[in-house]
Amino acid sequence: MRSITKSALKKIVAQRDEAKLLGFDKVAKQLSEQIAGNQVREDSAGYVYDYNDLKTEVENSLWDMAVRAQDYCGKIVDARDINDIVERYAEEFISAIKVSTGTVVGPYEKPVLGENDDLEVSLDG
């Protein structure tokens, strides 16, 4: 289940309210749609959402838009070309968000082997 934390929701609501006050109607509308369209979970709830999950979700959204844009243009492009465009823009989009947030690895990534293991290490041979 895809969801956002209560903390994230509070920040998004605050941004929406600020956008309304400043007259940024388009931003406020988009944030309102995101608030209504996302399920909310407790901040402490267990949750796994890795890079591949994010990339797949972004790519699916871009494919939706690619189909809409082709329909708008009245022409269909070779699907392999669309796939190349989708993959390139998904990577660029995710990279831009990661740079803007100062994120290297998302907090909901699955732990790597040994990351959560409680190992006792002895330096005595």
C-alpha atoms as a PDB file:
ATOM      1  CA  MET A   1       0.000   0.000   0.000  1.00  0.00           C
ATOM      2  CA  ARG A   2       1.424   3.356  -1.023  1.00  0.00           C
ATOM      3  CA  SER A   3       1.018   6.012   1.640  1.00  0.00           C
ATOM      4  CA  ILE A   4       2.600   9.074   3.230  1.00  0.00           C
ATOM      5  CA  THR A   5       3.423   9.727   6.873  1.00  0.00           C
ATOM      6  CA  LYS A   6       1.302  11.959   9.092  1.00  0.00           C
ATOM      7  CA  SER A   7       4.299  14.304   9.359  1.00  0.00           C
ATOM      8  CA  ALA A   8       4.522  14.571   5.577  1.00  0.00           C
ATOM      9  CA  LEU A   9       0.792  15.209   5.361  1.00  0.00           C
ATOM     10  CA  LYS A  10       1.015  18.052   7.902  1.00  0.00           C
ATOM     11  CA  LYS A  11       3.827  19.673   5.894  1.00  0.00           C
ATOM     12  CA  ILE A  12       1.914  19.319   2.625  1.00  0.00           C
ATOM     13  CA  VAL A  13      -1.218  20.814   4.217  1.00  0.00           C
ATOM     14  CA  ALA A  14       0.861  23.745   5.498  1.00  0.00           C
ATOM     15  CA  GLN A  15       2.335  24.277   2.020  1.00  0.00           C
ATOM     16  CA  ARG A  16      -1.135  24.159   0.484  1.00  0.00           C
ATOM     17  CA  ASP A  17      -2.456  26.702   2.979  1.00  0.00           C
ATOM     18  CA  GLU A  18       0.508  28.981   2.316  1.00  0.00           C
ATOM     19  CA  ALA A  19      -0.018  28.660  -1.435  1.00  0.00           C
ATOM     20  CA  LYS A  20      -3.671  29.647  -0.995  1.00  0.00           C
ATOM     21  CA  LEU A  21      -2.693  32.712   1.064  1.00  0.00           C
ATOM     22  CA  LEU A  22      -0.143  33.782  -1.532  1.00  0.00           C
ATOM     23  CA  GLY A  23      -2.553  33.280  -4.431  1.00  0.00           C
ATOM     24  CA  PHE A  24      -0.656  30.346  -5.965  1.00  0.00           C
ATOM     25  CA  ASP A  25      -3.914  28.704  -7.006  1.00  0.00           C
ATOM     26  CA  LYS A  26      -2.382  26.070  -9.284  1.00  0.00           C
ATOM     27  CA  VAL A  27       0.023  24.906  -6.558  1.00  0.00           C
ATOM     28  CA  ALA A  28      -2.749  24.905  -3.941  1.00  0.00           C
ATOM     29  CA  LYS A  29      -5.014  22.862  -6.233  1.00  0.00           C
ATOM     30  CA  GLN A  30      -2.298  20.283  -6.937  1.00  0.00           C
ATOM     31  CA  LEU A  31      -1.459  19.943  -3.252  1.00  0.00           C
ATOM     32  CA  SER A  32      -5.160  19.571  -2.385  1.00  0.00           C
ATOM     33  CA  GLU A  33      -5.426  16.725  -4.892  1.00  0.00           C
ATOM     34  CA  GLN A  34      -2.375  15.032  -3.370  1.00  0.00           C
ATOM     35  CA  ILE A  35      -3.783  15.412   0.140  1.00  0.00           C
ATOM     36  CA  ALA A  36      -7.051  13.793  -0.944  1.00  0.00           C
ATOM     37  CA  GLY A  37      -5.383  11.086  -3.030  1.00  0.00           C
ATOM     38  CA  ASN A  38      -2.839   9.671  -0.598  1.00  0.00           C
ATOM     39  CA  GLN A  39      -3.442   7.296   2.258  1.00  0.00           C
ATOM     40  CA  VAL A  40      -1.804   8.301   5.531  1.00  0.00           C
ATOM     41  CA  ARG A  41       0.209   6.112   7.911  1.00  0.00           C
ATOM     42  CA  GLU A  42       1.663   6.674  11.353  1.00  0.00           C
ATOM     43  CA  ASP A  43       5.196   8.046  11.323  1.00  0.00           C
ATOM     44  CA  SER A  44       6.422   5.002  13.235  1.00  0.00           C
ATOM     45  CA  ALA A  45       4.639   2.415  11.045  1.00  0.00           C
ATOM     46  CA  GLY A  46       6.779  -0.125   9.264  1.00  0.00           C
ATOM     47  CA  TYR A  47       7.033   0.669   5.558  1.00  0.00           C
ATOM     48  CA  VAL A  48       9.214  -0.450   2.667  1.00  0.00           C
ATOM     49  CA  TYR A  49       9.348   1.568  -0.552  1.00  0.00           C
ATOM     50  CA  ASP A  50      12.592   1.278  -2.453  1.00  0.00           C
ATOM     51  CA  TYR A  51      14.110   3.019  -5.456  1.00  0.00           C
ATOM     52  CA  ASN A  52      12.674   0.449  -7.864  1.00  0.00           C
ATOM     53  CA  ASP A  53       9.176   1.032  -6.450  1.00  0.00           C
ATOM     54  CA  LEU A  54       9.597   4.778  -6.924  1.00  0.00           C
ATOM     55  CA  LYS A  55      11.047   4.430 -10.423  1.00  0.00           C
ATOM     56  CA  THR A  56       8.229   2.103 -11.497  1.00  0.00           C
ATOM     57  CA  GLU A  57       5.624   4.523 -10.167  1.00  0.00           C
ATOM     58  CA  VAL A  58       7.203   7.520 -11.925  1.00  0.00           C
ATOM     59  CA  GLU A  59       7.551   5.558 -15.165  1.00  0.00           C
ATOM     60  CA  ASN A  60       3.894   4.442 -15.012  1.00  0.00           C
ATOM     61  CA  SER A  61       2.804   8.060 -14.571  1.00  0.00           C
ATOM     62  CA  LEU A  62       4.971   9.148 -17.498  1.00  0.00           C
ATOM     63  CA  TRP A  63       3.532   6.377 -19.676  1.00  0.00           C
ATOM     64  CA  ASP A  64       0.046   7.661 -18.830  1.00  0.00           C
ATOM     65  CA  MET A  65       1.092  11.145 -19.904  1.00  0.00           C
ATOM     66  CA  ALA A  66       2.823   9.834 -23.040  1.00  0.00           C
ATOM     67  CA  VAL A  67      -0.401   8.177 -24.168  1.00  0.00           C
ATOM     68  CA  ARG A  68      -2.393  11.366 -23.439  1.00  0.00           C
ATOM     69  CA  ALA A  69       0.169  13.522 -25.317  1.00  0.00           C
ATOM     70  CA  GLN A  70       0.143  11.203 -28.332  1.00  0.00           C
ATOM     71  CA  ASP A  71      -3.643  11.253 -28.402  1.00  0.00           C
ATOM     72  CA  TYR A  72      -3.558  15.053 -28.160  1.00  0.00           C
ATOM     73  CA  CYS A  73      -1.131  15.189 -31.106  1.00  0.00           C
ATOM     74  CA  GLY A  74      -3.235  12.733 -33.081  1.00  0.00           C
ATOM     75  CA  LYS A  75      -0.218  10.518 -33.782  1.00  0.00           C
ATOM     76  CA  ILE A  76       1.332   7.487 -32.132  1.00  0.00           C
ATOM     77  CA  VAL A  77       5.104   7.200 -31.667  1.00  0.00           C
ATOM     78  CA  ASP A  78       7.013   3.908 -31.697  1.00  0.00           C
ATOM     79  CA  ALA A  79       6.652   2.422 -28.201  1.00  0.00           C
ATOM     80  CA  ARG A  80      10.408   1.774 -27.939  1.00  0.00           C
ATOM     81  CA  ASP A  81      11.043   5.484 -28.440  1.00  0.00           C
ATOM     82  CA  ILE A  82       8.444   6.328 -25.803  1.00  0.00           C
ATOM     83  CA  ASN A  83      10.058   3.848 -23.422  1.00  0.00           C
ATOM     84  CA  ASP A  84      13.454   5.528 -23.910  1.00  0.00           C
ATOM     85  CA  ILE A  85      11.900   8.939 -23.206  1.00  0.00           C
ATOM     86  CA  VAL A  86      10.049   7.622 -20.138  1.00  0.00           C
ATOM     87  CA  GLU A  87      13.152   5.980 -18.663  1.00  0.00           C
ATOM     88  CA  ARG A  88      15.294   9.093 -19.252  1.00  0.00           C
ATOM     89  CA  TYR A  89      12.772  11.513 -17.738  1.00  0.00           C
ATOM     90  CA  ALA A  90      12.016   9.211 -14.802  1.00  0.00           C
ATOM     91  CA  GLU A  91      15.727   9.153 -13.915  1.00  0.00           C
ATOM     92  CA  GLU A  92      16.027  12.932 -14.363  1.00  0.00           C
ATOM     93  CA  PHE A  93      12.911  13.595 -12.274  1.00  0.00           C
ATOM     94  CA  ILE A  94      13.977  11.340  -9.412  1.00  0.00           C
ATOM     95  CA  SER A  95      17.500  12.753  -9.492  1.00  0.00           C
ATOM     96  CA  ALA A  96      16.195  16.340  -9.357  1.00  0.00           C
ATOM     97  CA  ILE A  97      13.985  15.549  -6.352  1.00  0.00           C
ATOM     98  CA  LYS A  98      16.850  13.736  -4.593  1.00  0.00           C
ATOM     99  CA  VAL A  99      19.149  16.735  -5.147  1.00  0.00           C
ATOM    100  CA  SER A 100      16.464  19.179  -3.954  1.00  0.00           C
ATOM    101  CA  THR A 101      15.900  17.154  -0.778  1.00  0.00           C
ATOM    102  CA  GLY A 102      19.549  16.262  -0.190  1.00  0.00           C
ATOM    103  CA  THR A 103      18.657  12.573  -0.269  1.00  0.00           C
ATOM    104  CA  VAL A 104      21.082   9.819  -1.221  1.00  0.00           C
ATOM    105  CA  VAL A 105      19.096   6.785  -0.066  1.00  0.00           C
ATOM    106  CA  GLY A 106      15.423   6.949   0.820  1.00  0.00           C
ATOM    107  CA  PRO A 107      14.460   6.199   4.440  1.00  0.00           C
ATOM    108  CA  TYR A 108      12.149   3.337   3.415  1.00  0.00           C
ATOM    109  CA  GLU A 109      14.697   1.323   1.437  1.00  0.00           C
ATOM    110  CA  LYS A 110      14.997  -2.334   2.353  1.00  0.00           C
ATOM    111  CA  PRO A 111      18.016  -2.881   4.623  1.00  0.00           C
ATOM    112  CA  VAL A 112      21.096  -4.268   2.912  1.00  0.00           C
ATOM    113  CA  LEU A 113      22.446  -7.636   4.007  1.00  0.00           C
ATOM    114  CA  GLY A 114      23.834  -7.317   7.524  1.00  0.00           C
ATOM    115  CA  GLU A 115      22.546  -3.770   8.097  1.00  0.00           C
ATOM    116  CA  ASN A 116      20.116  -4.735  10.859  1.00  0.00           C
ATOM    117  CA  ASP A 117      21.929  -7.789  12.141  1.00  0.00           C
ATOM    118  CA  ASP A 118      23.066  -7.679  15.749  1.00  0.00           C
ATOM    119  CA  LEU A 119      26.455  -9.284  15.310  1.00  0.00           C
ATOM    120  CA  GLU A 120      29.021  -9.581  18.001  1.00  0.00           C
ATOM    121  CA  VAL A 121      32.445  -8.971  16.615  1.00  0.00           C
ATOM    122  CA  SER A 122      35.490 -10.199  18.441  1.00  0.00           C
ATOM    123  CA  LEU A 123      38.899  -8.841  17.674  1.00  0.00           C
ATOM    124  CA  ASP A 124      40.440 -11.735  19.563  1.00  0.00           C
ATOM    125  CA  GLY A 125      41.483 -14.279  16.938  1.00  0.00           C
END
